[in-house]
Amino acid sequence: ISVVVLTSESYRVERLMAYLDPWAPEHVYGTGYQLTQSLIAFGRG
């Protein structure tokens, strides 16, 4: 059921794709932006 719900909405699919490759050009300033900035914070620490 979780897989069905996860793939039933386009924004959830976009988040999933951004999670798989947040540094991709189409994600880094979009749905993957929060994750990349978070990873930068961890790296700076």
PDB file of all heavy atoms in Angstrom:
ATOM      1  N   ILE A   1       0.835  -1.204   0.000  1.00  0.00           N
ATOM      2  CA  ILE A   1       0.000   0.000   0.000  1.00  0.00           C
ATOM      3  C   ILE A   1       0.868   1.252   0.000  1.00  0.00           C
ATOM      4  O   ILE A   1       0.567   2.249  -0.689  1.00  0.00           O
ATOM      5  CB  ILE A   1      -0.948  -0.007   1.215  1.00  0.00           C
ATOM      6  CG1 ILE A   1      -1.963  -1.142   1.085  1.00  0.00           C
ATOM      7  CG2 ILE A   1      -1.666   1.332   1.352  1.00  0.00           C
ATOM      8  CD1 ILE A   1      -2.822  -1.354   2.311  1.00  0.00           C
ATOM      9  N   SER A   2       1.977   1.224   0.744  1.00  0.00           N
ATOM     10  CA  SER A   2       2.884   2.375   0.795  1.00  0.00           C
ATOM     11  C   SER A   2       3.467   2.679  -0.572  1.00  0.00           C
ATOM     12  O   SER A   2       3.576   3.848  -0.975  1.00  0.00           O
ATOM     13  CB  SER A   2       4.008   2.117   1.803  1.00  0.00           C
ATOM     14  OG  SER A   2       3.499   1.952   3.105  1.00  0.00           O
ATOM     15  N   VAL A   3       3.845   1.626  -1.306  1.00  0.00           N
ATOM     16  CA  VAL A   3       4.384   1.815  -2.651  1.00  0.00           C
ATOM     17  C   VAL A   3       3.324   2.414  -3.568  1.00  0.00           C
ATOM     18  O   VAL A   3       3.614   3.337  -4.355  1.00  0.00           O
ATOM     19  CB  VAL A   3       4.901   0.479  -3.218  1.00  0.00           C
ATOM     20  CG1 VAL A   3       5.264   0.626  -4.694  1.00  0.00           C
ATOM     21  CG2 VAL A   3       6.108  -0.004  -2.427  1.00  0.00           C
ATOM     22  N   VAL A   4       2.092   1.925  -3.465  1.00  0.00           N
ATOM     23  CA  VAL A   4       1.003   2.452  -4.291  1.00  0.00           C
ATOM     24  C   VAL A   4       0.764   3.925  -3.979  1.00  0.00           C
ATOM     25  O   VAL A   4       0.634   4.761  -4.888  1.00  0.00           O
ATOM     26  CB  VAL A   4      -0.288   1.636  -4.075  1.00  0.00           C
ATOM     27  CG1 VAL A   4      -1.468   2.301  -4.783  1.00  0.00           C
ATOM     28  CG2 VAL A   4      -0.103   0.210  -4.575  1.00  0.00           C
ATOM     29  N   VAL A   5       0.696   4.249  -2.681  1.00  0.00           N
ATOM     30  CA  VAL A   5       0.468   5.641  -2.271  1.00  0.00           C
ATOM     31  C   VAL A   5       1.634   6.523  -2.709  1.00  0.00           C
ATOM     32  O   VAL A   5       1.442   7.648  -3.185  1.00  0.00           O
ATOM     33  CB  VAL A   5       0.284   5.716  -0.743  1.00  0.00           C
ATOM     34  CG1 VAL A   5       0.258   7.177  -0.284  1.00  0.00           C
ATOM     35  CG2 VAL A   5      -1.004   5.025  -0.330  1.00  0.00           C
ATOM     36  N   LEU A   6       2.850   6.011  -2.579  1.00  0.00           N
ATOM     37  CA  LEU A   6       4.036   6.785  -2.918  1.00  0.00           C
ATOM     38  C   LEU A   6       4.080   7.147  -4.396  1.00  0.00           C
ATOM     39  O   LEU A   6       4.549   8.227  -4.774  1.00  0.00           O
ATOM     40  CB  LEU A   6       5.294   5.999  -2.535  1.00  0.00           C
ATOM     41  CG  LEU A   6       6.633   6.726  -2.612  1.00  0.00           C
ATOM     42  CD1 LEU A   6       6.660   7.899  -1.642  1.00  0.00           C
ATOM     43  CD2 LEU A   6       7.774   5.770  -2.325  1.00  0.00           C
ATOM     44  N   THR A   7       3.585   6.255  -5.231  1.00  0.00           N
ATOM     45  CA  THR A   7       3.645   6.482  -6.677  1.00  0.00           C
ATOM     46  C   THR A   7       2.343   7.044  -7.250  1.00  0.00           C
ATOM     47  O   THR A   7       2.237   7.242  -8.465  1.00  0.00           O
ATOM     48  CB  THR A   7       3.974   5.161  -7.398  1.00  0.00           C
ATOM     49  OG1 THR A   7       3.002   4.153  -7.040  1.00  0.00           O
ATOM     50  CG2 THR A   7       5.355   4.673  -7.004  1.00  0.00           C
ATOM     51  N   SER A   8       1.363   7.309  -6.396  1.00  0.00           N
ATOM     52  CA  SER A   8       0.061   7.778  -6.888  1.00  0.00           C
ATOM     53  C   SER A   8       0.014   9.278  -7.136  1.00  0.00           C
ATOM     54  O   SER A   8      -0.875   9.761  -7.828  1.00  0.00           O
ATOM     55  CB  SER A   8      -1.044   7.390  -5.894  1.00  0.00           C
ATOM     56  OG  SER A   8      -0.830   8.044  -4.638  1.00  0.00           O
ATOM     57  N   GLU A   9       0.951  10.023  -6.548  1.00  0.00           N
ATOM     58  CA  GLU A   9       0.987  11.471  -6.719  1.00  0.00           C
ATOM     59  C   GLU A   9       2.304  11.864  -7.371  1.00  0.00           C
ATOM     60  O   GLU A   9       3.367  11.375  -6.998  1.00  0.00           O
ATOM     61  CB  GLU A   9       0.841  12.179  -5.371  1.00  0.00           C
ATOM     62  CG  GLU A   9      -0.491  11.944  -4.665  1.00  0.00           C
ATOM     63  CD  GLU A   9      -1.631  12.690  -5.331  1.00  0.00           C
ATOM     64  OE1 GLU A   9      -1.351  13.578  -6.168  1.00  0.00           O
ATOM     65  OE2 GLU A   9      -2.795  12.388  -5.018  1.00  0.00           O
ATOM     66  N   SER A  10       2.216  12.785  -8.322  1.00  0.00           N
ATOM     67  CA  SER A  10       3.404  13.178  -9.083  1.00  0.00           C
ATOM     68  C   SER A  10       4.465  13.825  -8.196  1.00  0.00           C
ATOM     69  O   SER A  10       5.662  13.602  -8.388  1.00  0.00           O
ATOM     70  CB  SER A  10       3.011  14.138 -10.207  1.00  0.00           C
ATOM     71  OG  SER A  10       2.383  15.301  -9.678  1.00  0.00           O
ATOM     72  N   TYR A  11       4.048  14.620  -7.188  1.00  0.00           N
ATOM     73  CA  TYR A  11       5.038  15.300  -6.355  1.00  0.00           C
ATOM     74  C   TYR A  11       5.814  14.294  -5.487  1.00  0.00           C
ATOM     75  O   TYR A  11       6.992  14.502  -5.185  1.00  0.00           O
ATOM     76  CB  TYR A  11       4.368  16.375  -5.488  1.00  0.00           C
ATOM     77  CG  TYR A  11       3.624  15.861  -4.276  1.00  0.00           C
ATOM     78  CD1 TYR A  11       4.244  15.743  -3.036  1.00  0.00           C
ATOM     79  CD2 TYR A  11       2.277  15.503  -4.368  1.00  0.00           C
ATOM     80  CE1 TYR A  11       3.567  15.284  -1.923  1.00  0.00           C
ATOM     81  CE2 TYR A  11       1.584  15.043  -3.269  1.00  0.00           C
ATOM     82  CZ  TYR A  11       2.227  14.935  -2.046  1.00  0.00           C
ATOM     83  OH  TYR A  11       1.554  14.480  -0.953  1.00  0.00           O
ATOM     84  N   ARG A  12       5.149  13.182  -5.121  1.00  0.00           N
ATOM     85  CA  ARG A  12       5.855  12.158  -4.358  1.00  0.00           C
ATOM     86  C   ARG A  12       6.877  11.438  -5.240  1.00  0.00           C
ATOM     87  O   ARG A  12       7.983  11.121  -4.787  1.00  0.00           O
ATOM     88  CB  ARG A  12       4.864  11.150  -3.772  1.00  0.00           C
ATOM     89  CG  ARG A  12       3.937  11.730  -2.712  1.00  0.00           C
ATOM     90  CD  ARG A  12       3.167  10.634  -1.982  1.00  0.00           C
ATOM     91  NE  ARG A  12       2.216  11.206  -1.051  1.00  0.00           N
ATOM     92  CZ  ARG A  12       0.900  11.020  -1.087  1.00  0.00           C
ATOM     93  NH1 ARG A  12       0.382  10.255  -2.025  1.00  0.00           N
ATOM     94  NH2 ARG A  12       0.105  11.584  -0.205  1.00  0.00           N
ATOM     95  N   VAL A  13       6.503  11.185  -6.480  1.00  0.00           N
ATOM     96  CA  VAL A  13       7.435  10.553  -7.416  1.00  0.00           C
ATOM     97  C   VAL A  13       8.634  11.472  -7.659  1.00  0.00           C
ATOM     98  O   VAL A  13       9.778  11.011  -7.708  1.00  0.00           O
ATOM     99  CB  VAL A  13       6.735  10.222  -8.749  1.00  0.00           C
ATOM    100  CG1 VAL A  13       7.732   9.651  -9.757  1.00  0.00           C
ATOM    101  CG2 VAL A  13       5.592   9.241  -8.518  1.00  0.00           C
ATOM    102  N   GLU A  14       8.375  12.773  -7.782  1.00  0.00           N
ATOM    103  CA  GLU A  14       9.463  13.728  -7.983  1.00  0.00           C
ATOM    104  C   GLU A  14      10.414  13.737  -6.793  1.00  0.00           C
ATOM    105  O   GLU A  14      11.640  13.800  -6.950  1.00  0.00           O
ATOM    106  CB  GLU A  14       8.890  15.124  -8.220  1.00  0.00           C
ATOM    107  CG  GLU A  14       8.183  15.288  -9.564  1.00  0.00           C
ATOM    108  CD  GLU A  14       7.528  16.643  -9.710  1.00  0.00           C
ATOM    109  OE1 GLU A  14       7.707  17.476  -8.789  1.00  0.00           O
ATOM    110  OE2 GLU A  14       6.846  16.877 -10.719  1.00  0.00           O
ATOM    111  N   ARG A  15       9.860  13.678  -5.592  1.00  0.00           N
ATOM    112  CA  ARG A  15      10.699  13.627  -4.391  1.00  0.00           C
ATOM    113  C   ARG A  15      11.540  12.357  -4.368  1.00  0.00           C
ATOM    114  O   ARG A  15      12.706  12.375  -3.961  1.00  0.00           O
ATOM    115  CB  ARG A  15       9.834  13.696  -3.132  1.00  0.00           C
ATOM    116  CG  ARG A  15       9.291  15.078  -2.818  1.00  0.00           C
ATOM    117  CD  ARG A  15       8.553  15.063  -1.484  1.00  0.00           C
ATOM    118  NE  ARG A  15       8.069  16.392  -1.140  1.00  0.00           N
ATOM    119  CZ  ARG A  15       7.407  16.661  -0.005  1.00  0.00           C
ATOM    120  NH1 ARG A  15       7.178  15.683   0.865  1.00  0.00           N
ATOM    121  NH2 ARG A  15       6.995  17.882   0.251  1.00  0.00           N
ATOM    122  N   LEU A  16      10.928  11.254  -4.796  1.00  0.00           N
ATOM    123  CA  LEU A  16      11.648   9.985  -4.819  1.00  0.00           C
ATOM    124  C   LEU A  16      12.801  10.041  -5.819  1.00  0.00           C
ATOM    125  O   LEU A  16      13.922   9.597  -5.520  1.00  0.00           O
ATOM    126  CB  LEU A  16      10.688   8.847  -5.175  1.00  0.00           C
ATOM    127  CG  LEU A  16      11.291   7.442  -5.229  1.00  0.00           C
ATOM    128  CD1 LEU A  16      11.873   7.069  -3.870  1.00  0.00           C
ATOM    129  CD2 LEU A  16      10.240   6.426  -5.661  1.00  0.00           C
ATOM    130  N   MET A  17      12.557  10.610  -6.989  1.00  0.00           N
ATOM    131  CA  MET A  17      13.612  10.710  -7.994  1.00  0.00           C
ATOM    132  C   MET A  17      14.712  11.654  -7.525  1.00  0.00           C
ATOM    133  O   MET A  17      15.905  11.400  -7.749  1.00  0.00           O
ATOM    134  CB  MET A  17      13.016  11.206  -9.315  1.00  0.00           C
ATOM    135  CG  MET A  17      11.977  10.271  -9.925  1.00  0.00           C
ATOM    136  SD  MET A  17      12.576   8.574 -10.136  1.00  0.00           S
ATOM    137  CE  MET A  17      13.885   8.834 -11.327  1.00  0.00           C
ATOM    138  N   ALA A  18      14.331  12.735  -6.854  1.00  0.00           N
ATOM    139  CA  ALA A  18      15.324  13.673  -6.330  1.00  0.00           C
ATOM    140  C   ALA A  18      16.152  13.024  -5.229  1.00  0.00           C
ATOM    141  O   ALA A  18      17.352  13.289  -5.091  1.00  0.00           O
ATOM    142  CB  ALA A  18      14.632  14.927  -5.804  1.00  0.00           C
ATOM    143  N   TYR A  19      15.512  12.160  -4.446  1.00  0.00           N
ATOM    144  CA  TYR A  19      16.232  11.447  -3.392  1.00  0.00           C
ATOM    145  C   TYR A  19      17.280  10.506  -3.975  1.00  0.00           C
ATOM    146  O   TYR A  19      18.393  10.382  -3.455  1.00  0.00           O
ATOM    147  CB  TYR A  19      15.215  10.679  -2.537  1.00  0.00           C
ATOM    148  CG  TYR A  19      15.722   9.425  -1.897  1.00  0.00           C
ATOM    149  CD1 TYR A  19      16.602   9.467  -0.821  1.00  0.00           C
ATOM    150  CD2 TYR A  19      15.317   8.171  -2.368  1.00  0.00           C
ATOM    151  CE1 TYR A  19      17.064   8.299  -0.224  1.00  0.00           C
ATOM    152  CE2 TYR A  19      15.766   7.007  -1.786  1.00  0.00           C
ATOM    153  CZ  TYR A  19      16.640   7.078  -0.713  1.00  0.00           C
ATOM    154  OH  TYR A  19      17.095   5.926  -0.133  1.00  0.00           O
ATOM    155  N   LEU A  20      16.943   9.877  -5.104  1.00  0.00           N
ATOM    156  CA  LEU A  20      17.864   8.935  -5.735  1.00  0.00           C
ATOM    157  C   LEU A  20      19.066   9.654  -6.344  1.00  0.00           C
ATOM    158  O   LEU A  20      20.174   9.114  -6.339  1.00  0.00           O
ATOM    159  CB  LEU A  20      17.123   8.115  -6.801  1.00  0.00           C
ATOM    160  CG  LEU A  20      16.021   7.187  -6.273  1.00  0.00           C
ATOM    161  CD1 LEU A  20      15.270   6.533  -7.426  1.00  0.00           C
ATOM    162  CD2 LEU A  20      16.603   6.119  -5.354  1.00  0.00           C
ATOM    163  N   ASP A  21      18.851  10.857  -6.849  1.00  0.00           N
ATOM    164  CA  ASP A  21      19.958  11.616  -7.451  1.00  0.00           C
ATOM    165  C   ASP A  21      19.718  13.111  -7.236  1.00  0.00           C
ATOM    166  O   ASP A  21      19.341  13.830  -8.156  1.00  0.00           O
ATOM    167  CB  ASP A  21      20.066  11.301  -8.943  1.00  0.00           C
ATOM    168  CG  ASP A  21      21.320  11.912  -9.577  1.00  0.00           C
ATOM    169  OD1 ASP A  21      22.164  12.438  -8.819  1.00  0.00           O
ATOM    170  OD2 ASP A  21      21.447  11.877 -10.817  1.00  0.00           O
ATOM    171  N   PRO A  22      19.934  13.607  -6.001  1.00  0.00           N
ATOM    172  CA  PRO A  22      19.624  15.010  -5.702  1.00  0.00           C
ATOM    173  C   PRO A  22      20.515  16.000  -6.440  1.00  0.00           C
ATOM    174  O   PRO A  22      20.143  17.166  -6.599  1.00  0.00           O
ATOM    175  CB  PRO A  22      19.852  15.096  -4.188  1.00  0.00           C
ATOM    176  CG  PRO A  22      20.834  14.008  -3.897  1.00  0.00           C
ATOM    177  CD  PRO A  22      20.486  12.899  -4.844  1.00  0.00           C
ATOM    178  N   TRP A  23      21.691  15.565  -6.906  1.00  0.00           N
ATOM    179  CA  TRP A  23      22.631  16.481  -7.560  1.00  0.00           C
ATOM    180  C   TRP A  23      22.399  16.589  -9.055  1.00  0.00           C
ATOM    181  O   TRP A  23      23.130  17.331  -9.744  1.00  0.00           O
ATOM    182  CB  TRP A  23      24.070  16.030  -7.295  1.00  0.00           C
ATOM    183  CG  TRP A  23      24.409  16.000  -5.840  1.00  0.00           C
ATOM    184  CD1 TRP A  23      24.437  14.916  -5.015  1.00  0.00           C
ATOM    185  CD2 TRP A  23      24.742  17.123  -5.016  1.00  0.00           C
ATOM    186  NE1 TRP A  23      24.770  15.278  -3.734  1.00  0.00           N
ATOM    187  CE2 TRP A  23      24.965  16.632  -3.704  1.00  0.00           C
ATOM    188  CE3 TRP A  23      24.881  18.494  -5.248  1.00  0.00           C
ATOM    189  CZ2 TRP A  23      25.318  17.455  -2.645  1.00  0.00           C
ATOM    190  CZ3 TRP A  23      25.227  19.323  -4.195  1.00  0.00           C
ATOM    191  CH2 TRP A  23      25.442  18.808  -2.913  1.00  0.00           C
ATOM    192  N   ALA A  24      21.426  15.862  -9.577  1.00  0.00           N
ATOM    193  CA  ALA A  24      21.116  15.973 -11.008  1.00  0.00           C
ATOM    194  C   ALA A  24      20.661  17.398 -11.327  1.00  0.00           C
ATOM    195  O   ALA A  24      19.983  18.039 -10.513  1.00  0.00           O
ATOM    196  CB  ALA A  24      20.025  14.972 -11.381  1.00  0.00           C
ATOM    197  N   PRO A  25      21.037  17.934 -12.501  1.00  0.00           N
ATOM    198  CA  PRO A  25      20.701  19.324 -12.845  1.00  0.00           C
ATOM    199  C   PRO A  25      19.215  19.653 -12.710  1.00  0.00           C
ATOM    200  O   PRO A  25      18.845  20.765 -12.316  1.00  0.00           O
ATOM    201  CB  PRO A  25      21.162  19.439 -14.308  1.00  0.00           C
ATOM    202  CG  PRO A  25      22.243  18.420 -14.433  1.00  0.00           C
ATOM    203  CD  PRO A  25      21.838  17.278 -13.554  1.00  0.00           C
ATOM    204  N   GLU A  26      18.347  18.680 -13.028  1.00  0.00           N
ATOM    205  CA  GLU A  26      16.903  18.943 -12.953  1.00  0.00           C
ATOM    206  C   GLU A  26      16.371  18.900 -11.524  1.00  0.00           C
ATOM    207  O   GLU A  26      15.225  19.271 -11.269  1.00  0.00           O
ATOM    208  CB  GLU A  26      16.135  17.937 -13.814  1.00  0.00           C
ATOM    209  CG  GLU A  26      16.236  16.493 -13.354  1.00  0.00           C
ATOM    210  CD  GLU A  26      17.413  15.747 -13.963  1.00  0.00           C
ATOM    211  OE1 GLU A  26      18.386  16.411 -14.384  1.00  0.00           O
ATOM    212  OE2 GLU A  26      17.363  14.507 -14.018  1.00  0.00           O
ATOM    213  N   HIS A  27      17.192  18.439 -10.565  1.00  0.00           N
ATOM    214  CA  HIS A  27      16.740  18.319  -9.183  1.00  0.00           C
ATOM    215  C   HIS A  27      17.429  19.277  -8.219  1.00  0.00           C
ATOM    216  O   HIS A  27      16.854  19.661  -7.203  1.00  0.00           O
ATOM    217  CB  HIS A  27      16.969  16.871  -8.676  1.00  0.00           C
ATOM    218  CG  HIS A  27      16.194  15.849  -9.408  1.00  0.00           C
ATOM    219  ND1 HIS A  27      16.657  14.572  -9.651  1.00  0.00           N
ATOM    220  CD2 HIS A  27      14.959  15.914  -9.973  1.00  0.00           C
ATOM    221  CE1 HIS A  27      15.751  13.896 -10.330  1.00  0.00           C
ATOM    222  NE2 HIS A  27      14.719  14.681 -10.540  1.00  0.00           N
ATOM    223  N   VAL A  28      18.672  19.638  -8.527  1.00  0.00           N
ATOM    224  CA  VAL A  28      19.490  20.341  -7.540  1.00  0.00           C
ATOM    225  C   VAL A  28      18.896  21.679  -7.110  1.00  0.00           C
ATOM    226  O   VAL A  28      19.093  22.123  -5.975  1.00  0.00           O
ATOM    227  CB  VAL A  28      20.932  20.512  -8.078  1.00  0.00           C
ATOM    228  CG1 VAL A  28      20.960  21.515  -9.237  1.00  0.00           C
ATOM    229  CG2 VAL A  28      21.885  20.920  -6.960  1.00  0.00           C
ATOM    230  N   TYR A  29      18.146  22.338  -7.999  1.00  0.00           N
ATOM    231  CA  TYR A  29      17.480  23.587  -7.628  1.00  0.00           C
ATOM    232  C   TYR A  29      15.962  23.431  -7.546  1.00  0.00           C
ATOM    233  O   TYR A  29      15.240  24.421  -7.481  1.00  0.00           O
ATOM    234  CB  TYR A  29      17.836  24.697  -8.626  1.00  0.00           C
ATOM    235  CG  TYR A  29      19.285  25.111  -8.551  1.00  0.00           C
ATOM    236  CD1 TYR A  29      20.148  24.826  -9.603  1.00  0.00           C
ATOM    237  CD2 TYR A  29      19.786  25.752  -7.430  1.00  0.00           C
ATOM    238  CE1 TYR A  29      21.490  25.185  -9.536  1.00  0.00           C
ATOM    239  CE2 TYR A  29      21.127  26.118  -7.347  1.00  0.00           C
ATOM    240  CZ  TYR A  29      21.969  25.834  -8.392  1.00  0.00           C
ATOM    241  OH  TYR A  29      23.301  26.186  -8.326  1.00  0.00           O
ATOM    242  N   GLY A  30      15.509  22.180  -7.553  1.00  0.00           N
ATOM    243  CA  GLY A  30      14.079  21.917  -7.477  1.00  0.00           C
ATOM    244  C   GLY A  30      13.748  21.047  -6.283  1.00  0.00           C
ATOM    245  O   GLY A  30      13.998  21.419  -5.133  1.00  0.00           O
ATOM    246  N   THR A  31      13.227  19.845  -6.551  1.00  0.00           N
ATOM    247  CA  THR A  31      12.793  18.972  -5.458  1.00  0.00           C
ATOM    248  C   THR A  31      13.953  18.428  -4.637  1.00  0.00           C
ATOM    249  O   THR A  31      13.752  17.960  -3.521  1.00  0.00           O
ATOM    250  CB  THR A  31      11.986  17.790  -6.026  1.00  0.00           C
ATOM    251  OG1 THR A  31      12.717  17.177  -7.094  1.00  0.00           O
ATOM    252  CG2 THR A  31      10.637  18.259  -6.555  1.00  0.00           C
ATOM    253  N   GLY A  32      15.166  18.469  -5.182  1.00  0.00           N
ATOM    254  CA  GLY A  32      16.317  17.998  -4.426  1.00  0.00           C
ATOM    255  C   GLY A  32      17.067  19.099  -3.702  1.00  0.00           C
ATOM    256  O   GLY A  32      18.115  18.837  -3.086  1.00  0.00           O
ATOM    257  N   TYR A  33      16.528  20.318  -3.737  1.00  0.00           N
ATOM    258  CA  TYR A  33      17.254  21.464  -3.186  1.00  0.00           C
ATOM    259  C   TYR A  33      17.505  21.332  -1.680  1.00  0.00           C
ATOM    260  O   TYR A  33      18.629  21.544  -1.203  1.00  0.00           O
ATOM    261  CB  TYR A  33      16.480  22.750  -3.478  1.00  0.00           C
ATOM    262  CG  TYR A  33      17.164  23.997  -2.957  1.00  0.00           C
ATOM    263  CD1 TYR A  33      18.260  24.515  -3.606  1.00  0.00           C
ATOM    264  CD2 TYR A  33      16.701  24.635  -1.807  1.00  0.00           C
ATOM    265  CE1 TYR A  33      18.907  25.659  -3.135  1.00  0.00           C
ATOM    266  CE2 TYR A  33      17.336  25.764  -1.320  1.00  0.00           C
ATOM    267  CZ  TYR A  33      18.435  26.272  -1.997  1.00  0.00           C
ATOM    268  OH  TYR A  33      19.069  27.388  -1.505  1.00  0.00           O
ATOM    269  N   GLN A  34      16.463  20.984  -0.930  1.00  0.00           N
ATOM    270  CA  GLN A  34      16.634  20.858   0.516  1.00  0.00           C
ATOM    271  C   GLN A  34      17.679  19.825   0.877  1.00  0.00           C
ATOM    272  O   GLN A  34      18.515  20.042   1.755  1.00  0.00           O
ATOM    273  CB  GLN A  34      15.295  20.498   1.178  1.00  0.00           C
ATOM    274  CG  GLN A  34      14.368  21.682   1.405  1.00  0.00           C
ATOM    275  CD  GLN A  34      13.113  21.268   2.124  1.00  0.00           C
ATOM    276  OE1 GLN A  34      12.390  20.382   1.674  1.00  0.00           O
ATOM    277  NE2 GLN A  34      12.820  21.886   3.245  1.00  0.00           N
ATOM    278  N   LEU A  35      17.638  18.688   0.184  1.00  0.00           N
ATOM    279  CA  LEU A  35      18.579  17.616   0.499  1.00  0.00           C
ATOM    280  C   LEU A  35      20.019  18.031   0.189  1.00  0.00           C
ATOM    281  O   LEU A  35      20.923  17.793   0.997  1.00  0.00           O
ATOM    282  CB  LEU A  35      18.212  16.354  -0.283  1.00  0.00           C
ATOM    283  CG  LEU A  35      19.161  15.160  -0.130  1.00  0.00           C
ATOM    284  CD1 LEU A  35      19.372  14.811   1.342  1.00  0.00           C
ATOM    285  CD2 LEU A  35      18.639  13.952  -0.893  1.00  0.00           C
ATOM    286  N   THR A  36      20.239  18.646  -0.965  1.00  0.00           N
ATOM    287  CA  THR A  36      21.605  19.054  -1.303  1.00  0.00           C
ATOM    288  C   THR A  36      22.138  20.087  -0.318  1.00  0.00           C
ATOM    289  O   THR A  36      23.297  20.005   0.108  1.00  0.00           O
ATOM    290  CB  THR A  36      21.663  19.622  -2.729  1.00  0.00           C
ATOM    291  OG1 THR A  36      20.732  20.709  -2.864  1.00  0.00           O
ATOM    292  CG2 THR A  36      21.343  18.552  -3.766  1.00  0.00           C
ATOM    293  N   GLN A  37      21.295  21.035   0.074  1.00  0.00           N
ATOM    294  CA  GLN A  37      21.736  22.043   1.044  1.00  0.00           C
ATOM    295  C   GLN A  37      21.991  21.425   2.416  1.00  0.00           C
ATOM    296  O   GLN A  37      22.901  21.830   3.141  1.00  0.00           O
ATOM    297  CB  GLN A  37      20.693  23.164   1.152  1.00  0.00           C
ATOM    298  CG  GLN A  37      20.481  23.954  -0.131  1.00  0.00           C
ATOM    299  CD  GLN A  37      21.773  24.576  -0.650  1.00  0.00           C
ATOM    300  OE1 GLN A  37      22.545  25.167   0.100  1.00  0.00           O
ATOM    301  NE2 GLN A  37      22.013  24.425  -1.944  1.00  0.00           N
ATOM    302  N   SER A  38      21.189  20.418   2.766  1.00  0.00           N
ATOM    303  CA  SER A  38      21.412  19.716   4.027  1.00  0.00           C
ATOM    304  C   SER A  38      22.739  18.973   3.996  1.00  0.00           C
ATOM    305  O   SER A  38      23.506  18.998   4.974  1.00  0.00           O
ATOM    306  CB  SER A  38      20.264  18.743   4.289  1.00  0.00           C
ATOM    307  OG  SER A  38      20.478  18.008   5.475  1.00  0.00           O
ATOM    308  N   LEU A  39      23.024  18.303   2.888  1.00  0.00           N
ATOM    309  CA  LEU A  39      24.286  17.573   2.758  1.00  0.00           C
ATOM    310  C   LEU A  39      25.484  18.520   2.793  1.00  0.00           C
ATOM    311  O   LEU A  39      26.535  18.180   3.351  1.00  0.00           O
ATOM    312  CB  LEU A  39      24.281  16.754   1.461  1.00  0.00           C
ATOM    313  CG  LEU A  39      23.266  15.610   1.398  1.00  0.00           C
ATOM    314  CD1 LEU A  39      23.283  14.951   0.028  1.00  0.00           C
ATOM    315  CD2 LEU A  39      23.537  14.585   2.483  1.00  0.00           C
ATOM    316  N   ILE A  40      25.325  19.691   2.216  1.00  0.00           N
ATOM    317  CA  ILE A  40      26.390  20.700   2.289  1.00  0.00           C
ATOM    318  C   ILE A  40      26.646  21.089   3.739  1.00  0.00           C
ATOM    319  O   ILE A  40      27.785  21.249   4.180  1.00  0.00           O
ATOM    320  CB  ILE A  40      26.025  21.930   1.439  1.00  0.00           C
ATOM    321  CG1 ILE A  40      26.070  21.582  -0.059  1.00  0.00           C
ATOM    322  CG2 ILE A  40      26.976  23.100   1.734  1.00  0.00           C
ATOM    323  CD1 ILE A  40      25.530  22.674  -0.957  1.00  0.00           C
ATOM    324  N   ALA A  41      25.561  21.244   4.509  1.00  0.00           N
ATOM    325  CA  ALA A  41      25.698  21.597   5.925  1.00  0.00           C
ATOM    326  C   ALA A  41      26.477  20.524   6.675  1.00  0.00           C
ATOM    327  O   ALA A  41      27.395  20.827   7.454  1.00  0.00           O
ATOM    328  CB  ALA A  41      24.321  21.786   6.551  1.00  0.00           C
ATOM    329  N   PHE A  42      26.146  19.265   6.429  1.00  0.00           N
ATOM    330  CA  PHE A  42      26.868  18.172   7.084  1.00  0.00           C
ATOM    331  C   PHE A  42      28.339  18.174   6.664  1.00  0.00           C
ATOM    332  O   PHE A  42      29.235  17.954   7.492  1.00  0.00           O
ATOM    333  CB  PHE A  42      26.232  16.819   6.747  1.00  0.00           C
ATOM    334  CG  PHE A  42      25.027  16.489   7.569  1.00  0.00           C
ATOM    335  CD1 PHE A  42      23.743  16.684   7.071  1.00  0.00           C
ATOM    336  CD2 PHE A  42      25.165  15.981   8.844  1.00  0.00           C
ATOM    337  CE1 PHE A  42      22.624  16.376   7.823  1.00  0.00           C
ATOM    338  CE2 PHE A  42      24.042  15.668   9.618  1.00  0.00           C
ATOM    339  CZ  PHE A  42      22.782  15.871   9.108  1.00  0.00           C
ATOM    340  N   GLY A  43      28.578  18.416   5.391  1.00  0.00           N
ATOM    341  CA  GLY A  43      29.952  18.439   4.909  1.00  0.00           C
ATOM    342  C   GLY A  43      30.774  19.556   5.518  1.00  0.00           C
ATOM    343  O   GLY A  43      31.948  19.365   5.877  1.00  0.00           O
ATOM    344  N   ARG A  44      30.170  20.721   5.699  1.00  0.00           N
ATOM    345  CA  ARG A  44      30.880  21.852   6.293  1.00  0.00           C
ATOM    346  C   ARG A  44      31.184  21.605   7.771  1.00  0.00           C
ATOM    347  O   ARG A  44      32.155  22.133   8.308  1.00  0.00           O
ATOM    348  CB  ARG A  44      30.067  23.146   6.158  1.00  0.00           C
ATOM    349  CG  ARG A  44      29.910  23.637   4.723  1.00  0.00           C
ATOM    350  CD  ARG A  44      29.310  25.040   4.672  1.00  0.00           C
ATOM    351  NE  ARG A  44      30.321  26.037   5.040  1.00  0.00           N
ATOM    352  CZ  ARG A  44      30.298  26.760   6.138  1.00  0.00           C
ATOM    353  NH1 ARG A  44      29.327  26.595   7.024  1.00  0.00           N
ATOM    354  NH2 ARG A  44      31.241  27.653   6.382  1.00  0.00           N
ATOM    355  N   GLY A  45      30.348  20.787   8.412  1.00  0.00           N
ATOM    356  CA  GLY A  45      30.536  20.555   9.843  1.00  0.00           C
ATOM    357  C   GLY A  45      31.795  19.785  10.176  1.00  0.00           C
ATOM    358  O   GLY A  45      32.397  19.998  11.235  1.00  0.00           O
TER     359      GLY A  45
END
